[in-house]
């Protein structure tokens, strides 16, 4: 169940729909991942002053396989009138508040917030997006962008991102691929969704 609906900022025509993914598979401050992810969404809402549309919580296998315990994932959508860098800084601050440290790509994590998209923006430009989106899984595991890439270059291949994202922004259209989030989810191979299941309410 989506517990909150996004409220558009009608007073600011420059606001864009921000899409953010949450994930955790390690405890934070004594909180299990499910509790921590919900608390992180609460913190984003409080610190940003916006109302979030929230997906259900999903259980997903660690990526790459064997990298750690199963993750709890979710996604949110909201109107954002600032720039992408300011939003990224806000997300990093929330990760830090939960004890996130960055030592390796695709490691077990206390808290992970990914800015997936901001409206139809392509950052820093189409050529750079194409370069990062075209990396093999092996290359993507070993290098980290030195700047913000939007949309997230691996968004379209990840079931653990698209399943919750489609709940809150199924109509968001990828500005490069030309498909909306629901279509991207439907196009995934079955193995990309293996083990990706919503957590029962109250679990």
N, C-alpha and C. Protein backbone atom coordinates (compact mmCIF):
# COMPACT_ATOMS: atom_id res chain seq x y z
N UNK A 1 0.84 -1.19 0.00
CA UNK A 1 0.00 0.00 0.00
C UNK A 1 0.88 1.25 0.00
N UNK A 2 0.53 2.23 -0.82
CA UNK A 2 1.23 3.50 -0.81
C UNK A 2 0.64 4.34 0.32
N UNK A 3 1.49 4.72 1.27
CA UNK A 3 0.96 5.32 2.48
C UNK A 3 0.78 6.82 2.40
N UNK A 4 1.46 7.46 1.47
CA UNK A 4 1.28 8.90 1.34
C UNK A 4 1.32 9.27 -0.14
N UNK A 5 0.53 10.22 -0.51
CA UNK A 5 0.51 10.69 -1.89
C UNK A 5 1.24 12.02 -1.99
N UNK A 6 1.93 12.18 -3.10
CA UNK A 6 2.67 13.42 -3.30
C UNK A 6 1.70 14.57 -3.51
N UNK A 7 2.04 15.72 -2.97
CA UNK A 7 1.25 16.93 -3.17
C UNK A 7 2.05 17.87 -4.06
N UNK A 8 1.51 18.22 -5.19
CA UNK A 8 2.21 19.10 -6.11
C UNK A 8 2.39 20.48 -5.53
N UNK A 9 3.48 21.10 -5.89
CA UNK A 9 3.77 22.46 -5.45
C UNK A 9 3.24 23.42 -6.51
N UNK A 10 1.98 23.77 -6.38
CA UNK A 10 1.35 24.59 -7.41
C UNK A 10 1.89 26.02 -7.43
N UNK A 11 2.55 26.42 -6.35
CA UNK A 11 3.04 27.79 -6.29
C UNK A 11 4.38 27.94 -7.00
N UNK A 12 5.00 26.85 -7.37
CA UNK A 12 6.30 26.92 -8.02
C UNK A 12 6.27 26.09 -9.28
N UNK A 13 6.12 26.76 -10.41
CA UNK A 13 6.01 26.04 -11.66
C UNK A 13 7.33 25.41 -12.09
N UNK A 14 8.42 25.76 -11.41
CA UNK A 14 9.72 25.20 -11.75
C UNK A 14 9.98 23.88 -11.03
N UNK A 15 9.11 23.47 -10.13
CA UNK A 15 9.32 22.23 -9.40
C UNK A 15 9.31 21.05 -10.36
N UNK A 16 10.22 20.10 -10.11
CA UNK A 16 10.30 18.88 -10.90
C UNK A 16 10.04 17.69 -10.00
N UNK A 17 9.56 16.61 -10.60
CA UNK A 17 9.32 15.41 -9.80
C UNK A 17 10.64 14.70 -9.56
N UNK A 18 10.98 14.56 -8.29
CA UNK A 18 12.20 13.85 -7.89
C UNK A 18 11.84 12.42 -7.56
N UNK A 19 12.70 11.50 -7.98
CA UNK A 19 12.53 10.08 -7.69
C UNK A 19 13.76 9.61 -6.95
N UNK A 20 13.54 9.00 -5.79
CA UNK A 20 14.64 8.57 -4.93
C UNK A 20 14.40 7.13 -4.50
N UNK A 21 15.45 6.32 -4.58
CA UNK A 21 15.40 4.93 -4.12
C UNK A 21 16.10 4.82 -2.77
N UNK A 22 15.53 3.99 -1.89
CA UNK A 22 16.09 3.72 -0.57
C UNK A 22 16.44 2.24 -0.48
N UNK A 23 17.52 1.94 0.23
CA UNK A 23 17.86 0.54 0.45
C UNK A 23 18.75 0.38 1.67
N UNK A 24 18.60 -0.73 2.37
CA UNK A 24 19.45 -1.03 3.52
C UNK A 24 19.40 -2.53 3.76
N UNK A 25 20.55 -3.08 4.18
CA UNK A 25 20.55 -4.49 4.58
C UNK A 25 21.38 -4.74 5.83
N UNK A 26 21.74 -3.67 6.53
CA UNK A 26 22.42 -3.76 7.82
C UNK A 26 21.68 -2.90 8.84
N UNK A 27 21.71 -3.26 10.10
CA UNK A 27 21.04 -2.44 11.13
C UNK A 27 21.69 -1.07 11.25
N UNK A 28 20.91 -0.12 11.71
CA UNK A 28 21.40 1.25 11.95
C UNK A 28 20.93 1.70 13.32
N UNK A 29 21.87 1.95 14.23
CA UNK A 29 21.50 2.42 15.55
C UNK A 29 20.53 1.52 16.28
N UNK A 30 20.68 0.23 16.09
CA UNK A 30 19.78 -0.71 16.73
C UNK A 30 18.49 -0.97 15.97
N UNK A 31 18.26 -0.24 14.88
CA UNK A 31 17.05 -0.44 14.07
C UNK A 31 17.32 -1.46 12.97
N UNK A 32 16.43 -2.44 12.78
CA UNK A 32 16.56 -3.33 11.62
C UNK A 32 16.33 -2.54 10.33
N UNK A 33 16.78 -3.08 9.20
CA UNK A 33 16.66 -2.34 7.94
C UNK A 33 15.26 -1.82 7.63
N UNK A 34 14.23 -2.63 7.90
CA UNK A 34 12.87 -2.19 7.58
C UNK A 34 12.52 -0.92 8.35
N UNK A 35 12.85 -0.90 9.64
CA UNK A 35 12.56 0.27 10.46
C UNK A 35 13.40 1.46 10.03
N UNK A 36 14.67 1.20 9.70
CA UNK A 36 15.57 2.28 9.31
C UNK A 36 15.15 2.93 8.00
N UNK A 37 14.72 2.12 7.02
CA UNK A 37 14.29 2.69 5.74
C UNK A 37 13.07 3.57 5.94
N UNK A 38 12.12 3.13 6.73
CA UNK A 38 10.94 3.96 7.01
C UNK A 38 11.35 5.25 7.72
N UNK A 39 12.28 5.15 8.66
CA UNK A 39 12.75 6.34 9.38
C UNK A 39 13.49 7.29 8.45
N UNK A 40 14.24 6.75 7.50
CA UNK A 40 14.95 7.60 6.55
C UNK A 40 13.97 8.36 5.65
N UNK A 41 12.88 7.71 5.27
CA UNK A 41 11.86 8.40 4.49
C UNK A 41 11.23 9.52 5.32
N UNK A 42 10.98 9.24 6.59
CA UNK A 42 10.46 10.29 7.48
C UNK A 42 11.42 11.46 7.56
N UNK A 43 12.73 11.17 7.64
CA UNK A 43 13.73 12.22 7.75
C UNK A 43 13.78 13.06 6.47
N UNK A 44 13.68 12.41 5.32
CA UNK A 44 13.67 13.16 4.06
C UNK A 44 12.46 14.10 4.02
N UNK A 45 11.33 13.60 4.44
CA UNK A 45 10.13 14.44 4.43
C UNK A 45 10.31 15.63 5.38
N UNK A 46 10.87 15.39 6.57
CA UNK A 46 11.05 16.46 7.55
C UNK A 46 12.08 17.49 7.09
N UNK A 47 13.19 17.02 6.55
CA UNK A 47 14.27 17.93 6.19
C UNK A 47 13.98 18.71 4.91
N UNK A 48 13.20 18.12 4.02
CA UNK A 48 12.92 18.78 2.74
C UNK A 48 11.67 19.64 2.80
N UNK A 49 10.77 19.34 3.75
CA UNK A 49 9.52 20.08 3.83
C UNK A 49 8.52 19.72 2.75
N UNK A 50 8.69 18.54 2.12
CA UNK A 50 7.76 18.11 1.08
C UNK A 50 6.99 16.89 1.57
N UNK A 51 5.93 16.57 0.86
CA UNK A 51 5.16 15.36 1.13
C UNK A 51 5.57 14.29 0.12
N UNK A 52 5.91 13.13 0.61
CA UNK A 52 6.39 12.05 -0.24
C UNK A 52 5.27 11.10 -0.65
N UNK A 53 5.31 10.64 -1.88
CA UNK A 53 4.58 9.43 -2.27
C UNK A 53 5.52 8.27 -2.02
N UNK A 54 5.10 7.32 -1.20
CA UNK A 54 5.98 6.23 -0.77
C UNK A 54 5.48 4.89 -1.31
N UNK A 55 6.41 4.12 -1.81
CA UNK A 55 6.07 2.75 -2.20
C UNK A 55 5.96 1.88 -0.96
N UNK A 56 5.52 0.67 -1.16
CA UNK A 56 5.65 -0.33 -0.11
C UNK A 56 7.13 -0.63 0.12
N UNK A 57 7.42 -1.31 1.20
CA UNK A 57 8.75 -1.84 1.42
C UNK A 57 8.86 -3.18 0.71
N UNK A 58 9.99 -3.37 0.05
CA UNK A 58 10.24 -4.58 -0.70
C UNK A 58 11.47 -5.28 -0.16
N UNK A 59 11.45 -6.60 -0.16
CA UNK A 59 12.64 -7.38 0.14
C UNK A 59 13.27 -7.81 -1.18
N UNK A 60 14.56 -7.58 -1.30
CA UNK A 60 15.25 -7.89 -2.54
C UNK A 60 16.60 -8.54 -2.24
N UNK A 61 17.05 -9.45 -3.09
CA UNK A 61 18.35 -10.08 -2.86
C UNK A 61 19.48 -9.04 -2.95
N UNK A 62 20.54 -9.29 -2.21
CA UNK A 62 21.71 -8.42 -2.30
C UNK A 62 22.27 -8.47 -3.72
N UNK A 63 22.80 -7.33 -4.17
CA UNK A 63 23.39 -7.27 -5.50
C UNK A 63 24.82 -6.77 -5.37
N UNK A 64 25.79 -7.45 -5.98
CA UNK A 64 25.65 -8.70 -6.73
C UNK A 64 25.34 -9.87 -5.80
N UNK A 65 24.87 -10.99 -6.34
CA UNK A 65 24.49 -12.13 -5.51
C UNK A 65 25.62 -12.52 -4.55
N UNK A 66 25.24 -12.76 -3.29
CA UNK A 66 26.21 -13.15 -2.30
C UNK A 66 26.90 -12.00 -1.61
N UNK A 67 26.50 -10.76 -1.92
CA UNK A 67 27.18 -9.59 -1.37
C UNK A 67 26.76 -9.28 0.06
N UNK A 68 25.75 -9.99 0.58
CA UNK A 68 25.32 -9.72 1.94
C UNK A 68 23.88 -10.15 2.15
N UNK A 69 23.29 -9.77 3.30
CA UNK A 69 21.90 -10.12 3.58
C UNK A 69 20.95 -9.46 2.57
N UNK A 70 19.73 -9.97 2.52
CA UNK A 70 18.72 -9.36 1.65
C UNK A 70 18.49 -7.90 2.04
N UNK A 71 18.18 -7.10 1.05
CA UNK A 71 17.91 -5.67 1.26
C UNK A 71 16.42 -5.43 1.51
N UNK A 72 16.16 -4.34 2.19
CA UNK A 72 14.84 -3.72 2.19
C UNK A 72 14.94 -2.51 1.29
N UNK A 73 14.08 -2.43 0.28
CA UNK A 73 14.10 -1.33 -0.68
C UNK A 73 12.75 -0.64 -0.73
N UNK A 74 12.78 0.62 -1.13
CA UNK A 74 11.56 1.38 -1.36
C UNK A 74 11.89 2.51 -2.33
N UNK A 75 10.88 3.23 -2.74
CA UNK A 75 11.08 4.40 -3.60
C UNK A 75 10.08 5.47 -3.20
N UNK A 76 10.47 6.71 -3.43
CA UNK A 76 9.58 7.84 -3.17
C UNK A 76 9.59 8.79 -4.35
N UNK A 77 8.53 9.57 -4.47
CA UNK A 77 8.42 10.62 -5.47
C UNK A 77 7.91 11.87 -4.78
N UNK A 78 8.43 13.02 -5.19
CA UNK A 78 8.00 14.28 -4.60
C UNK A 78 8.40 15.43 -5.51
N UNK A 79 7.78 16.57 -5.29
CA UNK A 79 8.11 17.78 -6.05
C UNK A 79 9.30 18.48 -5.41
N UNK A 80 10.28 18.84 -6.23
CA UNK A 80 11.49 19.48 -5.76
C UNK A 80 11.75 20.72 -6.60
N UNK A 81 11.88 21.87 -5.92
CA UNK A 81 12.08 23.12 -6.66
C UNK A 81 13.53 23.58 -6.67
N UNK A 82 14.41 22.87 -5.95
CA UNK A 82 15.82 23.22 -5.97
C UNK A 82 16.56 22.53 -7.10
N UNK A 83 17.89 22.65 -7.08
CA UNK A 83 18.66 22.00 -8.13
C UNK A 83 19.05 20.59 -7.71
N UNK A 84 19.58 19.83 -8.66
CA UNK A 84 19.90 18.43 -8.42
C UNK A 84 21.01 18.27 -7.39
N UNK A 85 21.99 19.17 -7.42
CA UNK A 85 23.11 19.05 -6.50
C UNK A 85 22.67 19.29 -5.06
N UNK A 86 21.74 20.22 -4.85
CA UNK A 86 21.23 20.46 -3.51
C UNK A 86 20.47 19.25 -2.99
N UNK A 87 19.71 18.61 -3.85
CA UNK A 87 18.97 17.42 -3.45
C UNK A 87 19.93 16.28 -3.13
N UNK A 88 20.96 16.11 -3.95
CA UNK A 88 21.94 15.07 -3.69
C UNK A 88 22.63 15.29 -2.35
N UNK A 89 22.96 16.53 -2.04
CA UNK A 89 23.58 16.84 -0.76
C UNK A 89 22.64 16.49 0.40
N UNK A 90 21.37 16.77 0.25
CA UNK A 90 20.38 16.42 1.26
C UNK A 90 20.34 14.91 1.48
N UNK A 91 20.35 14.15 0.40
CA UNK A 91 20.31 12.69 0.51
C UNK A 91 21.56 12.15 1.18
N UNK A 92 22.71 12.71 0.83
CA UNK A 92 23.95 12.26 1.47
C UNK A 92 23.94 12.57 2.96
N UNK A 93 23.35 13.69 3.35
CA UNK A 93 23.24 14.04 4.76
C UNK A 93 22.39 13.05 5.54
N UNK A 94 21.34 12.54 4.91
CA UNK A 94 20.49 11.55 5.56
C UNK A 94 21.24 10.22 5.69
N UNK A 95 21.95 9.83 4.64
CA UNK A 95 22.78 8.62 4.75
C UNK A 95 23.75 8.73 5.92
N UNK A 96 24.40 9.87 6.03
CA UNK A 96 25.37 10.08 7.09
C UNK A 96 24.71 9.99 8.47
N UNK A 97 23.50 10.53 8.58
CA UNK A 97 22.78 10.49 9.86
C UNK A 97 22.49 9.06 10.30
N UNK A 98 22.39 8.14 9.36
CA UNK A 98 22.14 6.75 9.69
C UNK A 98 23.42 5.92 9.79
N UNK A 99 24.56 6.57 9.62
CA UNK A 99 25.83 5.89 9.80
C UNK A 99 26.45 5.32 8.55
N UNK A 100 26.01 5.79 7.39
CA UNK A 100 26.56 5.27 6.13
C UNK A 100 28.01 5.68 5.96
N UNK A 101 28.83 4.74 5.55
CA UNK A 101 30.20 5.03 5.13
C UNK A 101 30.37 4.46 3.73
N UNK A 102 31.24 5.05 2.95
CA UNK A 102 31.43 4.63 1.57
C UNK A 102 32.84 4.08 1.41
N UNK A 103 32.93 2.75 1.30
CA UNK A 103 34.25 2.13 1.15
C UNK A 103 34.37 1.26 -0.09
N UNK A 104 33.25 0.76 -0.61
CA UNK A 104 33.30 -0.10 -1.78
C UNK A 104 31.98 -0.01 -2.53
N UNK A 105 32.05 -0.28 -3.84
CA UNK A 105 30.84 -0.32 -4.65
C UNK A 105 30.01 -1.54 -4.30
N UNK A 106 28.70 -1.37 -4.24
CA UNK A 106 27.76 -2.48 -4.11
C UNK A 106 28.06 -3.34 -2.88
N UNK A 107 28.42 -2.69 -1.78
CA UNK A 107 28.68 -3.39 -0.53
C UNK A 107 27.40 -3.47 0.30
N UNK A 108 27.45 -4.29 1.37
CA UNK A 108 26.35 -4.26 2.34
C UNK A 108 26.28 -2.85 2.93
N UNK A 109 25.05 -2.36 3.16
CA UNK A 109 24.91 -0.94 3.51
C UNK A 109 23.92 -0.73 4.65
N UNK A 110 24.29 0.21 5.52
CA UNK A 110 23.39 0.66 6.57
C UNK A 110 22.25 1.45 5.96
N UNK A 111 22.57 2.32 5.00
CA UNK A 111 21.55 3.14 4.34
C UNK A 111 22.08 3.62 3.00
N UNK A 112 21.26 3.49 1.99
CA UNK A 112 21.64 3.90 0.64
C UNK A 112 20.48 4.66 0.03
N UNK A 113 20.71 5.92 -0.32
CA UNK A 113 19.72 6.73 -1.01
C UNK A 113 20.28 7.09 -2.38
N UNK A 114 19.56 6.73 -3.42
CA UNK A 114 19.97 7.04 -4.79
C UNK A 114 18.99 8.01 -5.42
N UNK A 115 19.52 9.12 -5.92
CA UNK A 115 18.70 10.02 -6.73
C UNK A 115 18.57 9.38 -8.11
N UNK A 116 17.37 8.92 -8.43
CA UNK A 116 17.14 8.21 -9.68
C UNK A 116 16.89 9.15 -10.84
N UNK A 117 16.15 10.21 -10.59
CA UNK A 117 15.78 11.13 -11.67
C UNK A 117 15.24 12.41 -11.07
N UNK A 118 15.33 13.46 -11.85
CA UNK A 118 14.72 14.74 -11.50
C UNK A 118 14.02 15.26 -12.74
N UNK A 119 12.72 15.02 -12.79
CA UNK A 119 11.96 15.38 -13.99
C UNK A 119 12.52 14.67 -15.20
N UNK A 120 12.72 15.43 -16.28
CA UNK A 120 13.27 14.86 -17.50
C UNK A 120 14.72 15.30 -17.74
N UNK A 121 15.40 15.67 -16.65
CA UNK A 121 16.77 16.14 -16.78
C UNK A 121 17.71 14.99 -17.17
N UNK A 122 18.67 15.29 -18.05
CA UNK A 122 19.76 14.38 -18.40
C UNK A 122 21.05 15.10 -18.04
N UNK A 123 21.75 14.58 -17.01
CA UNK A 123 22.94 15.25 -16.48
C UNK A 123 24.14 14.31 -16.49
N UNK A 124 25.35 14.87 -16.76
CA UNK A 124 25.62 16.25 -17.14
C UNK A 124 25.26 16.55 -18.59
N UNK A 125 25.18 15.48 -19.41
CA UNK A 125 24.75 15.61 -20.80
C UNK A 125 24.48 14.20 -21.34
N UNK A 126 23.94 14.13 -22.54
CA UNK A 126 23.56 12.84 -23.11
C UNK A 126 24.78 11.94 -23.33
N UNK A 127 25.88 12.50 -23.78
CA UNK A 127 27.06 11.69 -24.06
C UNK A 127 27.58 11.02 -22.79
N UNK A 128 27.60 11.77 -21.69
CA UNK A 128 28.10 11.21 -20.44
C UNK A 128 27.13 10.17 -19.89
N UNK A 129 25.83 10.43 -20.03
CA UNK A 129 24.86 9.43 -19.61
C UNK A 129 25.07 8.14 -20.40
N UNK A 130 25.20 8.25 -21.72
CA UNK A 130 25.36 7.06 -22.55
C UNK A 130 26.62 6.29 -22.18
N UNK A 131 27.68 7.01 -21.84
CA UNK A 131 28.94 6.35 -21.48
C UNK A 131 28.75 5.49 -20.23
N UNK A 132 28.11 6.05 -19.21
CA UNK A 132 27.94 5.31 -17.97
C UNK A 132 26.89 4.21 -18.11
N UNK A 133 25.83 4.46 -18.85
CA UNK A 133 24.80 3.45 -19.04
C UNK A 133 25.32 2.27 -19.86
N UNK A 134 26.35 2.52 -20.67
CA UNK A 134 26.89 1.47 -21.52
C UNK A 134 27.95 0.61 -20.89
N UNK A 135 28.32 0.87 -19.64
CA UNK A 135 29.33 0.06 -18.97
C UNK A 135 28.81 -1.36 -18.73
N UNK A 136 29.71 -2.31 -18.82
CA UNK A 136 29.35 -3.68 -18.45
C UNK A 136 29.18 -3.76 -16.94
N UNK A 137 28.49 -4.78 -16.44
CA UNK A 137 28.37 -4.93 -14.98
C UNK A 137 29.72 -4.97 -14.27
N UNK A 138 30.71 -5.60 -14.90
CA UNK A 138 32.03 -5.67 -14.31
C UNK A 138 32.67 -4.29 -14.22
N UNK A 139 32.53 -3.51 -15.29
CA UNK A 139 33.09 -2.15 -15.27
C UNK A 139 32.36 -1.28 -14.26
N UNK A 140 31.03 -1.39 -14.20
CA UNK A 140 30.24 -0.57 -13.29
C UNK A 140 30.57 -0.87 -11.83
N UNK A 141 31.02 -2.10 -11.56
CA UNK A 141 31.35 -2.48 -10.18
C UNK A 141 32.67 -1.90 -9.72
N UNK A 142 33.49 -1.43 -10.66
CA UNK A 142 34.85 -1.02 -10.30
C UNK A 142 35.10 0.47 -10.41
N UNK A 143 34.15 1.22 -10.96
CA UNK A 143 34.36 2.66 -11.13
C UNK A 143 33.16 3.43 -10.59
N UNK A 144 33.42 4.64 -10.12
CA UNK A 144 32.37 5.49 -9.56
C UNK A 144 32.39 6.83 -10.29
N UNK A 145 31.25 7.34 -10.73
CA UNK A 145 31.25 8.65 -11.39
C UNK A 145 31.76 9.74 -10.45
N UNK A 146 32.44 10.71 -11.02
CA UNK A 146 32.90 11.84 -10.22
C UNK A 146 31.92 13.01 -10.26
N UNK A 147 30.75 12.75 -10.82
CA UNK A 147 29.71 13.77 -10.91
C UNK A 147 28.36 13.05 -10.92
N UNK A 148 27.31 13.82 -10.75
CA UNK A 148 25.96 13.26 -10.75
C UNK A 148 25.54 12.91 -12.17
N UNK A 149 25.08 11.69 -12.35
CA UNK A 149 24.56 11.23 -13.64
C UNK A 149 23.06 11.01 -13.49
N UNK A 150 22.28 11.69 -14.30
CA UNK A 150 20.82 11.52 -14.28
C UNK A 150 20.29 11.32 -15.68
N UNK A 151 19.28 10.43 -15.81
CA UNK A 151 18.76 9.52 -14.80
C UNK A 151 19.85 8.55 -14.35
N UNK A 152 19.60 7.86 -13.23
CA UNK A 152 20.56 6.87 -12.77
C UNK A 152 20.86 5.92 -13.93
N UNK A 153 22.13 5.75 -14.30
CA UNK A 153 22.43 5.02 -15.53
C UNK A 153 22.07 3.54 -15.53
N UNK A 154 21.83 2.93 -14.37
CA UNK A 154 21.50 1.50 -14.34
C UNK A 154 20.06 1.25 -13.88
N UNK A 155 19.30 2.31 -13.79
CA UNK A 155 17.91 2.23 -13.34
C UNK A 155 17.10 1.21 -14.14
N UNK A 156 17.24 1.21 -15.45
CA UNK A 156 16.36 0.42 -16.31
C UNK A 156 16.60 -1.07 -16.23
N UNK A 157 17.68 -1.51 -15.58
CA UNK A 157 17.98 -2.94 -15.55
C UNK A 157 17.78 -3.55 -14.17
N UNK A 158 17.30 -2.77 -13.21
CA UNK A 158 17.25 -3.22 -11.83
C UNK A 158 15.83 -3.41 -11.34
N UNK A 159 15.47 -4.66 -11.12
CA UNK A 159 14.13 -4.95 -10.61
C UNK A 159 13.90 -4.39 -9.24
N UNK A 160 14.95 -4.38 -8.40
CA UNK A 160 14.78 -3.89 -7.04
C UNK A 160 14.57 -2.38 -6.99
N UNK A 161 14.86 -1.69 -8.08
CA UNK A 161 14.56 -0.27 -8.20
C UNK A 161 13.20 -0.07 -8.87
N UNK A 162 12.97 -0.76 -9.97
CA UNK A 162 11.78 -0.50 -10.77
C UNK A 162 10.49 -1.00 -10.11
N UNK A 163 10.56 -2.08 -9.35
CA UNK A 163 9.33 -2.58 -8.71
C UNK A 163 8.73 -1.56 -7.76
N UNK A 164 9.50 -1.01 -6.80
CA UNK A 164 8.91 0.05 -5.97
C UNK A 164 8.68 1.35 -6.73
N UNK A 165 9.56 1.68 -7.68
CA UNK A 165 9.40 2.93 -8.41
C UNK A 165 8.09 2.97 -9.18
N UNK A 166 7.72 1.84 -9.77
CA UNK A 166 6.48 1.80 -10.56
C UNK A 166 5.25 2.05 -9.70
N UNK A 167 5.35 1.82 -8.39
CA UNK A 167 4.21 2.07 -7.50
C UNK A 167 3.97 3.56 -7.29
N UNK A 168 5.03 4.36 -7.32
CA UNK A 168 4.87 5.78 -7.01
C UNK A 168 5.02 6.69 -8.22
N UNK A 169 5.61 6.16 -9.30
CA UNK A 169 5.85 7.00 -10.48
C UNK A 169 5.82 6.15 -11.74
N UNK A 170 4.80 5.31 -11.85
CA UNK A 170 4.70 4.44 -13.01
C UNK A 170 4.62 5.18 -14.32
N UNK A 171 4.17 6.43 -14.28
CA UNK A 171 4.02 7.20 -15.50
C UNK A 171 5.24 8.07 -15.81
N UNK A 172 6.26 8.03 -14.94
CA UNK A 172 7.47 8.82 -15.24
C UNK A 172 8.16 8.22 -16.46
N UNK A 173 8.44 9.06 -17.45
CA UNK A 173 9.03 8.58 -18.70
C UNK A 173 10.53 8.86 -18.73
N UNK A 174 11.30 7.82 -18.97
CA UNK A 174 12.74 7.95 -19.05
C UNK A 174 13.10 8.87 -20.21
N UNK A 175 13.82 9.96 -19.97
CA UNK A 175 14.05 10.94 -21.03
C UNK A 175 14.99 10.46 -22.14
N UNK A 176 15.71 9.38 -21.93
CA UNK A 176 16.59 8.83 -22.97
C UNK A 176 15.96 7.60 -23.61
N UNK A 177 15.44 6.69 -22.82
CA UNK A 177 14.91 5.43 -23.34
C UNK A 177 13.50 5.56 -23.88
N UNK A 178 12.77 6.60 -23.46
CA UNK A 178 11.44 6.85 -24.00
C UNK A 178 10.34 5.95 -23.47
N UNK A 179 10.63 5.14 -22.43
CA UNK A 179 9.62 4.29 -21.82
C UNK A 179 9.35 4.77 -20.41
N UNK A 180 8.10 4.55 -19.95
CA UNK A 180 7.81 4.96 -18.59
C UNK A 180 8.24 3.85 -17.62
N UNK A 181 8.18 4.15 -16.33
CA UNK A 181 8.69 3.21 -15.33
C UNK A 181 7.95 1.88 -15.36
N UNK A 182 6.64 1.93 -15.59
CA UNK A 182 5.87 0.69 -15.66
C UNK A 182 6.28 -0.15 -16.86
N UNK A 183 6.56 0.50 -17.98
CA UNK A 183 7.00 -0.23 -19.18
C UNK A 183 8.39 -0.82 -18.98
N UNK A 184 9.27 -0.08 -18.32
CA UNK A 184 10.61 -0.60 -18.05
C UNK A 184 10.52 -1.83 -17.14
N UNK A 185 9.64 -1.77 -16.15
CA UNK A 185 9.47 -2.91 -15.26
C UNK A 185 8.95 -4.12 -16.03
N UNK A 186 7.97 -3.92 -16.88
CA UNK A 186 7.39 -5.02 -17.65
C UNK A 186 8.39 -5.63 -18.62
N UNK A 187 9.39 -4.86 -19.04
CA UNK A 187 10.37 -5.34 -20.02
C UNK A 187 11.51 -6.13 -19.38
N UNK A 188 11.59 -6.16 -18.06
CA UNK A 188 12.68 -6.87 -17.40
C UNK A 188 12.57 -8.38 -17.62
N UNK A 189 13.73 -9.01 -17.73
CA UNK A 189 13.75 -10.46 -17.78
C UNK A 189 13.33 -11.01 -16.42
N UNK A 190 12.71 -12.19 -16.39
CA UNK A 190 12.24 -12.76 -15.11
C UNK A 190 13.32 -12.85 -14.05
N UNK A 191 14.56 -13.14 -14.44
CA UNK A 191 15.59 -13.30 -13.42
C UNK A 191 15.94 -11.99 -12.74
N UNK A 192 15.63 -10.85 -13.38
CA UNK A 192 15.89 -9.55 -12.75
C UNK A 192 14.92 -9.27 -11.61
N UNK A 193 13.83 -10.02 -11.56
CA UNK A 193 12.84 -9.84 -10.49
C UNK A 193 12.79 -11.01 -9.52
N UNK A 194 13.70 -11.95 -9.69
CA UNK A 194 13.72 -13.11 -8.82
C UNK A 194 14.02 -12.68 -7.38
N UNK A 195 13.17 -13.04 -6.46
CA UNK A 195 13.37 -12.70 -5.07
C UNK A 195 12.95 -11.29 -4.69
N UNK A 196 12.43 -10.52 -5.63
CA UNK A 196 11.97 -9.15 -5.37
C UNK A 196 10.50 -9.24 -4.99
N UNK A 197 10.21 -9.10 -3.70
CA UNK A 197 8.84 -9.31 -3.22
C UNK A 197 8.48 -8.22 -2.21
N UNK A 198 7.23 -7.76 -2.22
CA UNK A 198 6.83 -6.78 -1.21
C UNK A 198 6.75 -7.41 0.18
N UNK A 199 7.18 -6.67 1.17
CA UNK A 199 7.07 -7.13 2.54
C UNK A 199 5.62 -7.01 3.02
N UNK A 200 5.08 -8.00 3.67
CA UNK A 200 3.71 -7.89 4.20
C UNK A 200 3.61 -6.75 5.19
N UNK A 201 2.48 -6.08 5.23
CA UNK A 201 2.25 -5.04 6.23
C UNK A 201 2.41 -5.65 7.61
N UNK A 202 3.16 -4.92 8.44
CA UNK A 202 3.35 -5.37 9.80
C UNK A 202 4.43 -6.40 9.97
N UNK A 203 5.10 -6.81 8.86
CA UNK A 203 6.15 -7.80 8.97
C UNK A 203 7.39 -7.20 9.62
